[in-house]
């Protein structure tokens, strides 16, 4: 049985994810995956404690947020799956705003 409140608490908001990406990218370039977002936002331990089905839901939700950022030009999706977070996941690169359009 899916514990919806616990799953919801493990998923950062899109604003929190974007803030994390921008803040991190100011220091180093990273390939972003759902697993990476959860690790960098210190939510990974909470996610590891979830059941398999609940973990999949969390990862899919975070990936959906990353996909939305790709559609709006904030991220660029990589062609090959990345295995740096949680198995083979969609990877994304941050696209910084052009000077003067911030």
PDB file of N, CA and C in Angstrom:
ATOM      1  N   UNK A   1       0.839  -1.183   0.000  1.00  0.00           N
ATOM      2  CA  UNK A   1       0.000   0.000   0.000  1.00  0.00           C
ATOM      3  C   UNK A   1       0.880   1.241   0.000  1.00  0.00           C
ATOM      4  N   UNK A   2       0.584   2.171  -0.884  1.00  0.00           N
ATOM      5  CA  UNK A   2       1.359   3.403  -1.018  1.00  0.00           C
ATOM      6  C   UNK A   2       0.992   4.360   0.110  1.00  0.00           C
ATOM      7  N   UNK A   3       2.024   4.844   0.798  1.00  0.00           N
ATOM      8  CA  UNK A   3       1.829   5.840   1.865  1.00  0.00           C
ATOM      9  C   UNK A   3       1.997   7.221   1.232  1.00  0.00           C
ATOM     10  N   UNK A   4       0.892   7.758   0.742  1.00  0.00           N
ATOM     11  CA  UNK A   4       0.912   8.972  -0.068  1.00  0.00           C
ATOM     12  C   UNK A   4       1.547  10.167   0.636  1.00  0.00           C
ATOM     13  N   UNK A   5       1.257  10.371   1.898  1.00  0.00           N
ATOM     14  CA  UNK A   5       1.805  11.522   2.624  1.00  0.00           C
ATOM     15  C   UNK A   5       3.326  11.427   2.720  1.00  0.00           C
ATOM     16  N   UNK A   6       3.846  10.228   2.899  1.00  0.00           N
ATOM     17  CA  UNK A   6       5.303  10.046   2.995  1.00  0.00           C
ATOM     18  C   UNK A   6       5.945  10.258   1.631  1.00  0.00           C
ATOM     19  N   UNK A   7       5.295   9.756   0.583  1.00  0.00           N
ATOM     20  CA  UNK A   7       5.796   9.961  -0.781  1.00  0.00           C
ATOM     21  C   UNK A   7       5.810  11.457  -1.101  1.00  0.00           C
ATOM     22  N   UNK A   8       4.728  12.145  -0.803  1.00  0.00           N
ATOM     23  CA  UNK A   8       4.644  13.587  -1.076  1.00  0.00           C
ATOM     24  C   UNK A   8       5.737  14.359  -0.341  1.00  0.00           C
ATOM     25  N   UNK A   9       6.039  13.964   0.884  1.00  0.00           N
ATOM     26  CA  UNK A   9       7.060  14.656   1.673  1.00  0.00           C
ATOM     27  C   UNK A   9       8.465  14.435   1.112  1.00  0.00           C
ATOM     28  N   UNK A  10       8.658  13.365   0.346  1.00  0.00           N
ATOM     29  CA  UNK A  10       9.982  13.055  -0.202  1.00  0.00           C
ATOM     30  C   UNK A  10      10.246  13.737  -1.539  1.00  0.00           C
ATOM     31  N   UNK A  11       9.231  14.375  -2.104  1.00  0.00           N
ATOM     32  CA  UNK A  11       9.384  15.031  -3.408  1.00  0.00           C
ATOM     33  C   UNK A  11       9.525  16.536  -3.209  1.00  0.00           C
ATOM     34  N   UNK A  12      10.690  17.099  -3.564  1.00  0.00           N
ATOM     35  CA  UNK A  12      10.833  18.557  -3.459  1.00  0.00           C
ATOM     36  C   UNK A  12       9.952  19.257  -4.497  1.00  0.00           C
ATOM     37  N   UNK A  13       9.618  20.498  -4.232  1.00  0.00           N
ATOM     38  CA  UNK A  13       8.826  21.275  -5.196  1.00  0.00           C
ATOM     39  C   UNK A  13       9.695  21.639  -6.390  1.00  0.00           C
ATOM     40  N   UNK A  14       9.053  22.019  -7.480  1.00  0.00           N
ATOM     41  CA  UNK A  14       9.820  22.424  -8.659  1.00  0.00           C
ATOM     42  C   UNK A  14      10.685  23.641  -8.343  1.00  0.00           C
ATOM     43  N   UNK A  15      10.198  24.554  -7.525  1.00  0.00           N
ATOM     44  CA  UNK A  15      10.988  25.741  -7.138  1.00  0.00           C
ATOM     45  C   UNK A  15      12.215  25.322  -6.338  1.00  0.00           C
ATOM     46  N   UNK A  16      12.036  24.388  -5.407  1.00  0.00           N
ATOM     47  CA  UNK A  16      13.176  23.900  -4.625  1.00  0.00           C
ATOM     48  C   UNK A  16      14.207  23.221  -5.520  1.00  0.00           C
ATOM     49  N   UNK A  17      13.741  22.458  -6.498  1.00  0.00           N
ATOM     50  CA  UNK A  17      14.665  21.776  -7.412  1.00  0.00           C
ATOM     51  C   UNK A  17      15.428  22.785  -8.251  1.00  0.00           C
ATOM     52  N   UNK A  18      14.724  23.763  -8.799  1.00  0.00           N
ATOM     53  CA  UNK A  18      15.403  24.766  -9.627  1.00  0.00           C
ATOM     54  C   UNK A  18      16.398  25.571  -8.800  1.00  0.00           C
ATOM     55  N   UNK A  19      16.019  25.966  -7.605  1.00  0.00           N
ATOM     56  CA  UNK A  19      16.945  26.695  -6.728  1.00  0.00           C
ATOM     57  C   UNK A  19      18.185  25.859  -6.428  1.00  0.00           C
ATOM     58  N   UNK A  20      17.995  24.570  -6.163  1.00  0.00           N
ATOM     59  CA  UNK A  20      19.114  23.661  -5.905  1.00  0.00           C
ATOM     60  C   UNK A  20      20.039  23.580  -7.113  1.00  0.00           C
ATOM     61  N   UNK A  21      19.465  23.422  -8.297  1.00  0.00           N
ATOM     62  CA  UNK A  21      20.267  23.314  -9.515  1.00  0.00           C
ATOM     63  C   UNK A  21      21.074  24.582  -9.738  1.00  0.00           C
ATOM     64  N   UNK A  22      20.434  25.719  -9.636  1.00  0.00           N
ATOM     65  CA  UNK A  22      21.129  27.000  -9.874  1.00  0.00           C
ATOM     66  C   UNK A  22      22.219  27.210  -8.839  1.00  0.00           C
ATOM     67  N   UNK A  23      21.914  26.969  -7.579  1.00  0.00           N
ATOM     68  CA  UNK A  23      22.895  27.153  -6.506  1.00  0.00           C
ATOM     69  C   UNK A  23      24.099  26.223  -6.699  1.00  0.00           C
ATOM     70  N   UNK A  24      23.844  24.976  -7.033  1.00  0.00           N
ATOM     71  CA  UNK A  24      24.920  24.003  -7.216  1.00  0.00           C
ATOM     72  C   UNK A  24      25.738  24.320  -8.453  1.00  0.00           C
ATOM     73  N   UNK A  25      25.067  24.703  -9.517  1.00  0.00           N
ATOM     74  CA  UNK A  25      25.762  25.000 -10.779  1.00  0.00           C
ATOM     75  C   UNK A  25      26.650  26.246 -10.667  1.00  0.00           C
ATOM     76  N   UNK A  26      26.416  27.089  -9.676  1.00  0.00           N
ATOM     77  CA  UNK A  26      27.307  28.231  -9.460  1.00  0.00           C
ATOM     78  C   UNK A  26      28.694  27.773  -9.020  1.00  0.00           C
ATOM     79  N   UNK A  27      28.784  26.550  -8.470  1.00  0.00           N
ATOM     80  CA  UNK A  27      30.055  26.021  -7.963  1.00  0.00           C
ATOM     81  C   UNK A  27      30.656  24.947  -8.856  1.00  0.00           C
ATOM     82  N   UNK A  28      29.798  24.101  -9.436  1.00  0.00           N
ATOM     83  CA  UNK A  28      30.298  23.006 -10.271  1.00  0.00           C
ATOM     84  C   UNK A  28      29.228  22.570 -11.251  1.00  0.00           C
ATOM     85  N   UNK A  29      29.667  22.017 -12.374  1.00  0.00           N
ATOM     86  CA  UNK A  29      28.772  21.524 -13.418  1.00  0.00           C
ATOM     87  C   UNK A  29      28.385  20.083 -13.086  1.00  0.00           C
ATOM     88  N   UNK A  30      27.088  19.782 -13.141  1.00  0.00           N
ATOM     89  CA  UNK A  30      26.587  18.465 -12.765  1.00  0.00           C
ATOM     90  C   UNK A  30      25.601  17.978 -13.817  1.00  0.00           C
ATOM     91  N   UNK A  31      25.593  16.667 -14.052  1.00  0.00           N
ATOM     92  CA  UNK A  31      24.527  16.051 -14.829  1.00  0.00           C
ATOM     93  C   UNK A  31      23.412  15.748 -13.843  1.00  0.00           C
ATOM     94  N   UNK A  32      22.234  16.290 -14.109  1.00  0.00           N
ATOM     95  CA  UNK A  32      21.118  16.163 -13.176  1.00  0.00           C
ATOM     96  C   UNK A  32      20.235  14.981 -13.533  1.00  0.00           C
ATOM     97  N   UNK A  33      19.976  14.140 -12.551  1.00  0.00           N
ATOM     98  CA  UNK A  33      19.027  13.044 -12.648  1.00  0.00           C
ATOM     99  C   UNK A  33      18.108  13.156 -11.435  1.00  0.00           C
ATOM    100  N   UNK A  34      17.035  12.387 -11.426  1.00  0.00           N
ATOM    101  CA  UNK A  34      16.151  12.402 -10.264  1.00  0.00           C
ATOM    102  C   UNK A  34      16.910  11.985  -9.010  1.00  0.00           C
ATOM    103  N   UNK A  35      17.716  10.933  -9.121  1.00  0.00           N
ATOM    104  CA  UNK A  35      18.506  10.478  -7.977  1.00  0.00           C
ATOM    105  C   UNK A  35      19.489  11.526  -7.503  1.00  0.00           C
ATOM    106  N   UNK A  36      20.113  12.236  -8.436  1.00  0.00           N
ATOM    107  CA  UNK A  36      21.065  13.286  -8.071  1.00  0.00           C
ATOM    108  C   UNK A  36      20.363  14.415  -7.336  1.00  0.00           C
ATOM    109  N   UNK A  37      19.196  14.811  -7.817  1.00  0.00           N
ATOM    110  CA  UNK A  37      18.421  15.868  -7.147  1.00  0.00           C
ATOM    111  C   UNK A  37      18.131  15.463  -5.707  1.00  0.00           C
ATOM    112  N   UNK A  38      17.709  14.216  -5.517  1.00  0.00           N
ATOM    113  CA  UNK A  38      17.376  13.751  -4.169  1.00  0.00           C
ATOM    114  C   UNK A  38      18.610  13.680  -3.281  1.00  0.00           C
ATOM    115  N   UNK A  39      19.741  13.282  -3.835  1.00  0.00           N
ATOM    116  CA  UNK A  39      20.988  13.242  -3.051  1.00  0.00           C
ATOM    117  C   UNK A  39      21.442  14.649  -2.669  1.00  0.00           C
ATOM    118  N   UNK A  40      21.445  15.545  -3.641  1.00  0.00           N
ATOM    119  CA  UNK A  40      21.924  16.908  -3.399  1.00  0.00           C
ATOM    120  C   UNK A  40      20.991  17.681  -2.460  1.00  0.00           C
ATOM    121  N   UNK A  41      19.724  17.309  -2.438  1.00  0.00           N
ATOM    122  CA  UNK A  41      18.773  18.008  -1.562  1.00  0.00           C
ATOM    123  C   UNK A  41      18.623  17.317  -0.209  1.00  0.00           C
ATOM    124  N   UNK A  42      19.476  16.346   0.059  1.00  0.00           N
ATOM    125  CA  UNK A  42      19.515  15.625   1.345  1.00  0.00           C
ATOM    126  C   UNK A  42      18.225  14.855   1.625  1.00  0.00           C
ATOM    127  N   UNK A  43      17.538  14.414   0.578  1.00  0.00           N
ATOM    128  CA  UNK A  43      16.318  13.627   0.752  1.00  0.00           C
ATOM    129  C   UNK A  43      16.542  12.149   0.463  1.00  0.00           C
ATOM    130  N   UNK A  44      17.753  11.793   0.043  1.00  0.00           N
ATOM    131  CA  UNK A  44      18.012  10.428  -0.397  1.00  0.00           C
ATOM    132  C   UNK A  44      17.772   9.404   0.711  1.00  0.00           C
ATOM    133  N   UNK A  45      18.199   9.691   1.935  1.00  0.00           N
ATOM    134  CA  UNK A  45      18.000   8.752   3.043  1.00  0.00           C
ATOM    135  C   UNK A  45      16.517   8.470   3.245  1.00  0.00           C
ATOM    136  N   UNK A  46      15.711   9.522   3.143  1.00  0.00           N
ATOM    137  CA  UNK A  46      14.266   9.357   3.298  1.00  0.00           C
ATOM    138  C   UNK A  46      13.704   8.472   2.178  1.00  0.00           C
ATOM    139  N   UNK A  47      14.202   8.673   0.970  1.00  0.00           N
ATOM    140  CA  UNK A  47      13.725   7.898  -0.177  1.00  0.00           C
ATOM    141  C   UNK A  47      14.166   6.440  -0.062  1.00  0.00           C
ATOM    142  N   UNK A  48      15.382   6.212   0.409  1.00  0.00           N
ATOM    143  CA  UNK A  48      15.874   4.837   0.565  1.00  0.00           C
ATOM    144  C   UNK A  48      15.014   4.022   1.526  1.00  0.00           C
ATOM    145  N   UNK A  49      14.367   4.676   2.456  1.00  0.00           N
ATOM    146  CA  UNK A  49      13.539   3.987   3.440  1.00  0.00           C
ATOM    147  C   UNK A  49      12.150   3.625   2.899  1.00  0.00           C
ATOM    148  N   UNK A  50      11.820   4.140   1.717  1.00  0.00           N
ATOM    149  CA  UNK A  50      10.514   3.849   1.127  1.00  0.00           C
ATOM    150  C   UNK A  50      10.499   2.461   0.487  1.00  0.00           C
ATOM    151  N   UNK A  51       9.311   1.935   0.312  1.00  0.00           N
ATOM    152  CA  UNK A  51       9.150   0.692  -0.431  1.00  0.00           C
ATOM    153  C   UNK A  51       9.519   0.942  -1.893  1.00  0.00           C
ATOM    154  N   UNK A  52       9.775  -0.143  -2.612  1.00  0.00           N
ATOM    155  CA  UNK A  52      10.169  -0.028  -4.021  1.00  0.00           C
ATOM    156  C   UNK A  52       9.149   0.777  -4.825  1.00  0.00           C
ATOM    157  N   UNK A  53       7.872   0.460  -4.683  1.00  0.00           N
ATOM    158  CA  UNK A  53       6.831   1.155  -5.446  1.00  0.00           C
ATOM    159  C   UNK A  53       6.793   2.645  -5.099  1.00  0.00           C
ATOM    160  N   UNK A  54       7.004   2.970  -3.843  1.00  0.00           N
ATOM    161  CA  UNK A  54       7.017   4.375  -3.417  1.00  0.00           C
ATOM    162  C   UNK A  54       8.238   5.099  -3.973  1.00  0.00           C
ATOM    163  N   UNK A  55       9.397   4.435  -3.969  1.00  0.00           N
ATOM    164  CA  UNK A  55      10.618   5.036  -4.546  1.00  0.00           C
ATOM    165  C   UNK A  55      10.412   5.344  -6.016  1.00  0.00           C
ATOM    166  N   UNK A  56       9.786   4.419  -6.736  1.00  0.00           N
ATOM    167  CA  UNK A  56       9.529   4.647  -8.164  1.00  0.00           C
ATOM    168  C   UNK A  56       8.650   5.877  -8.372  1.00  0.00           C
ATOM    169  N   UNK A  57       7.648   6.049  -7.531  1.00  0.00           N
ATOM    170  CA  UNK A  57       6.763   7.213  -7.649  1.00  0.00           C
ATOM    171  C   UNK A  57       7.550   8.495  -7.433  1.00  0.00           C
ATOM    172  N   UNK A  58       8.379   8.534  -6.396  1.00  0.00           N
ATOM    173  CA  UNK A  58       9.178   9.723  -6.100  1.00  0.00           C
ATOM    174  C   UNK A  58      10.109  10.025  -7.277  1.00  0.00           C
ATOM    175  N   UNK A  59      10.809   9.017  -7.765  1.00  0.00           N
ATOM    176  CA  UNK A  59      11.748   9.219  -8.876  1.00  0.00           C
ATOM    177  C   UNK A  59      11.020   9.689 -10.132  1.00  0.00           C
ATOM    178  N   UNK A  60       9.855   9.138 -10.407  1.00  0.00           N
ATOM    179  CA  UNK A  60       9.089   9.567 -11.587  1.00  0.00           C
ATOM    180  C   UNK A  60       8.630  11.014 -11.451  1.00  0.00           C
ATOM    181  N   UNK A  61       8.209  11.389 -10.256  1.00  0.00           N
ATOM    182  CA  UNK A  61       7.770  12.785 -10.052  1.00  0.00           C
ATOM    183  C   UNK A  61       8.925  13.767 -10.248  1.00  0.00           C
ATOM    184  N   UNK A  62      10.075  13.442  -9.685  1.00  0.00           N
ATOM    185  CA  UNK A  62      11.228  14.338  -9.836  1.00  0.00           C
ATOM    186  C   UNK A  62      11.660  14.381 -11.303  1.00  0.00           C
ATOM    187  N   UNK A  63      11.660  13.233 -11.973  1.00  0.00           N
ATOM    188  CA  UNK A  63      12.008  13.209 -13.398  1.00  0.00           C
ATOM    189  C   UNK A  63      11.028  14.054 -14.203  1.00  0.00           C
ATOM    190  N   UNK A  64       9.749  14.012 -13.858  1.00  0.00           N
ATOM    191  CA  UNK A  64       8.750  14.831 -14.554  1.00  0.00           C
ATOM    192  C   UNK A  64       9.046  16.317 -14.404  1.00  0.00           C
ATOM    193  N   UNK A  65       9.472  16.711 -13.222  1.00  0.00           N
ATOM    194  CA  UNK A  65       9.825  18.118 -12.989  1.00  0.00           C
ATOM    195  C   UNK A  65      11.039  18.489 -13.841  1.00  0.00           C
ATOM    196  N   UNK A  66      12.039  17.610 -13.898  1.00  0.00           N
ATOM    197  CA  UNK A  66      13.218  17.867 -14.730  1.00  0.00           C
ATOM    198  C   UNK A  66      12.824  17.950 -16.203  1.00  0.00           C
ATOM    199  N   UNK A  67      11.916  17.088 -16.644  1.00  0.00           N
ATOM    200  CA  UNK A  67      11.421  17.125 -18.034  1.00  0.00           C
ATOM    201  C   UNK A  67      10.725  18.454 -18.330  1.00  0.00           C
ATOM    202  N   UNK A  68       9.948  18.959 -17.367  1.00  0.00           N
ATOM    203  CA  UNK A  68       9.284  20.256 -17.540  1.00  0.00           C
ATOM    204  C   UNK A  68      10.317  21.365 -17.714  1.00  0.00           C
ATOM    205  N   UNK A  69      11.395  21.311 -16.924  1.00  0.00           N
ATOM    206  CA  UNK A  69      12.458  22.303 -17.060  1.00  0.00           C
ATOM    207  C   UNK A  69      13.121  22.206 -18.435  1.00  0.00           C
ATOM    208  N   UNK A  70      13.223  20.997 -18.963  1.00  0.00           N
ATOM    209  CA  UNK A  70      13.796  20.831 -20.303  1.00  0.00           C
ATOM    210  C   UNK A  70      12.875  21.455 -21.357  1.00  0.00           C
ATOM    211  N   UNK A  71      11.584  21.302 -21.184  1.00  0.00           N
ATOM    212  CA  UNK A  71      10.629  21.876 -22.129  1.00  0.00           C
ATOM    213  C   UNK A  71      10.656  23.400 -22.127  1.00  0.00           C
ATOM    214  N   UNK A  72      10.983  23.978 -20.976  1.00  0.00           N
ATOM    215  CA  UNK A  72      11.023  25.447 -20.880  1.00  0.00           C
ATOM    216  C   UNK A  72      12.418  26.015 -21.128  1.00  0.00           C
ATOM    217  N   UNK A  73      13.390  25.147 -21.453  1.00  0.00           N
ATOM    218  CA  UNK A  73      14.728  25.624 -21.811  1.00  0.00           C
ATOM    219  C   UNK A  73      15.670  25.832 -20.639  1.00  0.00           C
ATOM    220  N   UNK A  74      15.270  25.452 -19.440  1.00  0.00           N
ATOM    221  CA  UNK A  74      16.154  25.603 -18.276  1.00  0.00           C
ATOM    222  C   UNK A  74      17.173  24.464 -18.195  1.00  0.00           C
ATOM    223  N   UNK A  75      16.775  23.296 -18.713  1.00  0.00           N
ATOM    224  CA  UNK A  75      17.654  22.129 -18.763  1.00  0.00           C
ATOM    225  C   UNK A  75      17.648  21.584 -20.187  1.00  0.00           C
ATOM    226  N   UNK A  76      18.689  20.806 -20.491  1.00  0.00           N
ATOM    227  CA  UNK A  76      18.726  20.100 -21.768  1.00  0.00           C
ATOM    228  C   UNK A  76      18.872  18.612 -21.469  1.00  0.00           C
ATOM    229  N   UNK A  77      17.976  17.832 -22.046  1.00  0.00           N
ATOM    230  CA  UNK A  77      17.986  16.379 -21.806  1.00  0.00           C
ATOM    231  C   UNK A  77      19.131  15.735 -22.579  1.00  0.00           C
ATOM    232  N   UNK A  78      19.820  14.807 -21.933  1.00  0.00           N
ATOM    233  CA  UNK A  78      20.872  14.029 -22.592  1.00  0.00           C
ATOM    234  C   UNK A  78      20.248  12.842 -23.316  1.00  0.00           C
ATOM    235  N   UNK A  79      20.891  12.441 -24.394  1.00  0.00           N
ATOM    236  CA  UNK A  79      20.362  11.334 -25.191  1.00  0.00           C
ATOM    237  C   UNK A  79      20.518   9.983 -24.502  1.00  0.00           C
ATOM    238  N   UNK A  80      21.651   9.779 -23.832  1.00  0.00           N
ATOM    239  CA  UNK A  80      21.929   8.491 -23.213  1.00  0.00           C
ATOM    240  C   UNK A  80      21.470   8.475 -21.755  1.00  0.00           C
ATOM    241  N   UNK A  81      20.969   7.312 -21.290  1.00  0.00           N
ATOM    242  CA  UNK A  81      20.633   7.191 -19.862  1.00  0.00           C
ATOM    243  C   UNK A  81      21.889   7.354 -19.006  1.00  0.00           C
ATOM    244  N   UNK A  82      21.716   7.928 -17.834  1.00  0.00           N
ATOM    245  CA  UNK A  82      22.818   8.155 -16.911  1.00  0.00           C
ATOM    246  C   UNK A  82      22.674   7.212 -15.724  1.00  0.00           C
ATOM    247  N   UNK A  83      23.783   6.708 -15.230  1.00  0.00           N
ATOM    248  CA  UNK A  83      23.720   5.793 -14.081  1.00  0.00           C
ATOM    249  C   UNK A  83      24.483   6.385 -12.903  1.00  0.00           C
ATOM    250  N   UNK A  84      24.192   7.647 -12.595  1.00  0.00           N
ATOM    251  CA  UNK A  84      24.918   8.332 -11.520  1.00  0.00           C
ATOM    252  C   UNK A  84      24.051   8.587 -10.295  1.00  0.00           C
ATOM    253  N   UNK A  85      22.785   8.271 -10.374  1.00  0.00           N
ATOM    254  CA  UNK A  85      21.904   8.522  -9.239  1.00  0.00           C
ATOM    255  C   UNK A  85      21.288   7.238  -8.753  1.00  0.00           C
ATOM    256  N   UNK A  86      20.261   6.803  -9.437  1.00  0.00           N
ATOM    257  CA  UNK A  86      19.533   5.600  -9.049  1.00  0.00           C
ATOM    258  C   UNK A  86      19.320   4.759 -10.306  1.00  0.00           C
ATOM    259  N   UNK A  87      20.286   3.952 -10.666  1.00  0.00           N
ATOM    260  CA  UNK A  87      20.169   3.126 -11.863  1.00  0.00           C
ATOM    261  C   UNK A  87      20.277   3.961 -13.126  1.00  0.00           C
ATOM    262  N   UNK A  88      19.693   3.492 -14.210  1.00  0.00           N
ATOM    263  CA  UNK A  88      19.713   4.228 -15.474  1.00  0.00           C
ATOM    264  C   UNK A  88      18.563   5.218 -15.492  1.00  0.00           C
ATOM    265  N   UNK A  89      18.920   6.493 -15.497  1.00  0.00           N
ATOM    266  CA  UNK A  89      17.917   7.561 -15.438  1.00  0.00           C
ATOM    267  C   UNK A  89      18.162   8.558 -16.560  1.00  0.00           C
ATOM    268  N   UNK A  90      17.135   9.339 -16.849  1.00  0.00           N
ATOM    269  CA  UNK A  90      17.285  10.437 -17.792  1.00  0.00           C
ATOM    270  C   UNK A  90      18.208  11.477 -17.159  1.00  0.00           C
ATOM    271  N   UNK A  91      19.181  11.948 -17.938  1.00  0.00           N
ATOM    272  CA  UNK A  91      20.116  12.959 -17.453  1.00  0.00           C
ATOM    273  C   UNK A  91      19.846  14.300 -18.118  1.00  0.00           C
ATOM    274  N   UNK A  92      20.120  15.367 -17.378  1.00  0.00           N
ATOM    275  CA  UNK A  92      19.862  16.717 -17.865  1.00  0.00           C
ATOM    276  C   UNK A  92      21.038  17.623 -17.528  1.00  0.00           C
ATOM    277  N   UNK A  93      21.299  18.579 -18.420  1.00  0.00           N
ATOM    278  CA  UNK A  93      22.315  19.603 -18.178  1.00  0.00           C
ATOM    279  C   UNK A  93      21.615  20.944 -17.975  1.00  0.00           C
ATOM    280  N   UNK A  94      22.140  21.724 -17.041  1.00  0.00           N
ATOM    281  CA  UNK A  94      21.596  23.055 -16.769  1.00  0.00           C
ATOM    282  C   UNK A  94      21.985  24.003 -17.886  1.00  0.00           C
ATOM    283  N   UNK A  95      21.035  24.805 -18.345  1.00  0.00           N
ATOM    284  CA  UNK A  95      21.277  25.833 -19.352  1.00  0.00           C
ATOM    285  C   UNK A  95      21.134  27.186 -18.649  1.00  0.00           C
ATOM    286  N   UNK A  96      22.261  27.842 -18.333  1.00  0.00           N
ATOM    287  CA  UNK A  96      22.147  29.131 -17.626  1.00  0.00           C
ATOM    288  C   UNK A  96      21.455  30.170 -18.511  1.00  0.00           C
ATOM    289  N   UNK A  97      20.743  31.107 -17.889  1.00  0.00           N
ATOM    290  CA  UNK A  97      20.092  32.159 -18.694  1.00  0.00           C
ATOM    291  C   UNK A  97      21.142  33.014 -19.379  1.00  0.00           C
ATOM    292  N   UNK A  98      20.779  33.511 -20.544  1.00  0.00           N
ATOM    293  CA  UNK A  98      21.692  34.397 -21.269  1.00  0.00           C
ATOM    294  C   UNK A  98      21.812  35.714 -20.527  1.00  0.00           C
ATOM    295  N   UNK A  99      22.976  36.312 -20.614  1.00  0.00           N
ATOM    296  CA  UNK A  99      23.213  37.602 -19.960  1.00  0.00           C
ATOM    297  C   UNK A  99      22.147  38.606 -20.378  1.00  0.00           C
ATOM    298  N   UNK A 100      21.602  39.328 -19.418  1.00  0.00           N
ATOM    299  CA  UNK A 100      20.620  40.352 -19.695  1.00  0.00           C
ATOM    300  C   UNK A 100      19.185  39.847 -19.696  1.00  0.00           C
ATOM    301  N   UNK A 101      19.000  38.510 -19.625  1.00  0.00           N
ATOM    302  CA  UNK A 101      17.627  37.989 -19.630  1.00  0.00           C
ATOM    303  C   UNK A 101      17.265  37.348 -18.293  1.00  0.00           C
ATOM    304  N   UNK A 102      18.015  37.657 -17.245  1.00  0.00           N
ATOM    305  CA  UNK A 102      17.784  37.045 -15.929  1.00  0.00           C
ATOM    306  C   UNK A 102      16.622  37.636 -15.215  1.00  0.00           C
TER     307      UNK A 102
END
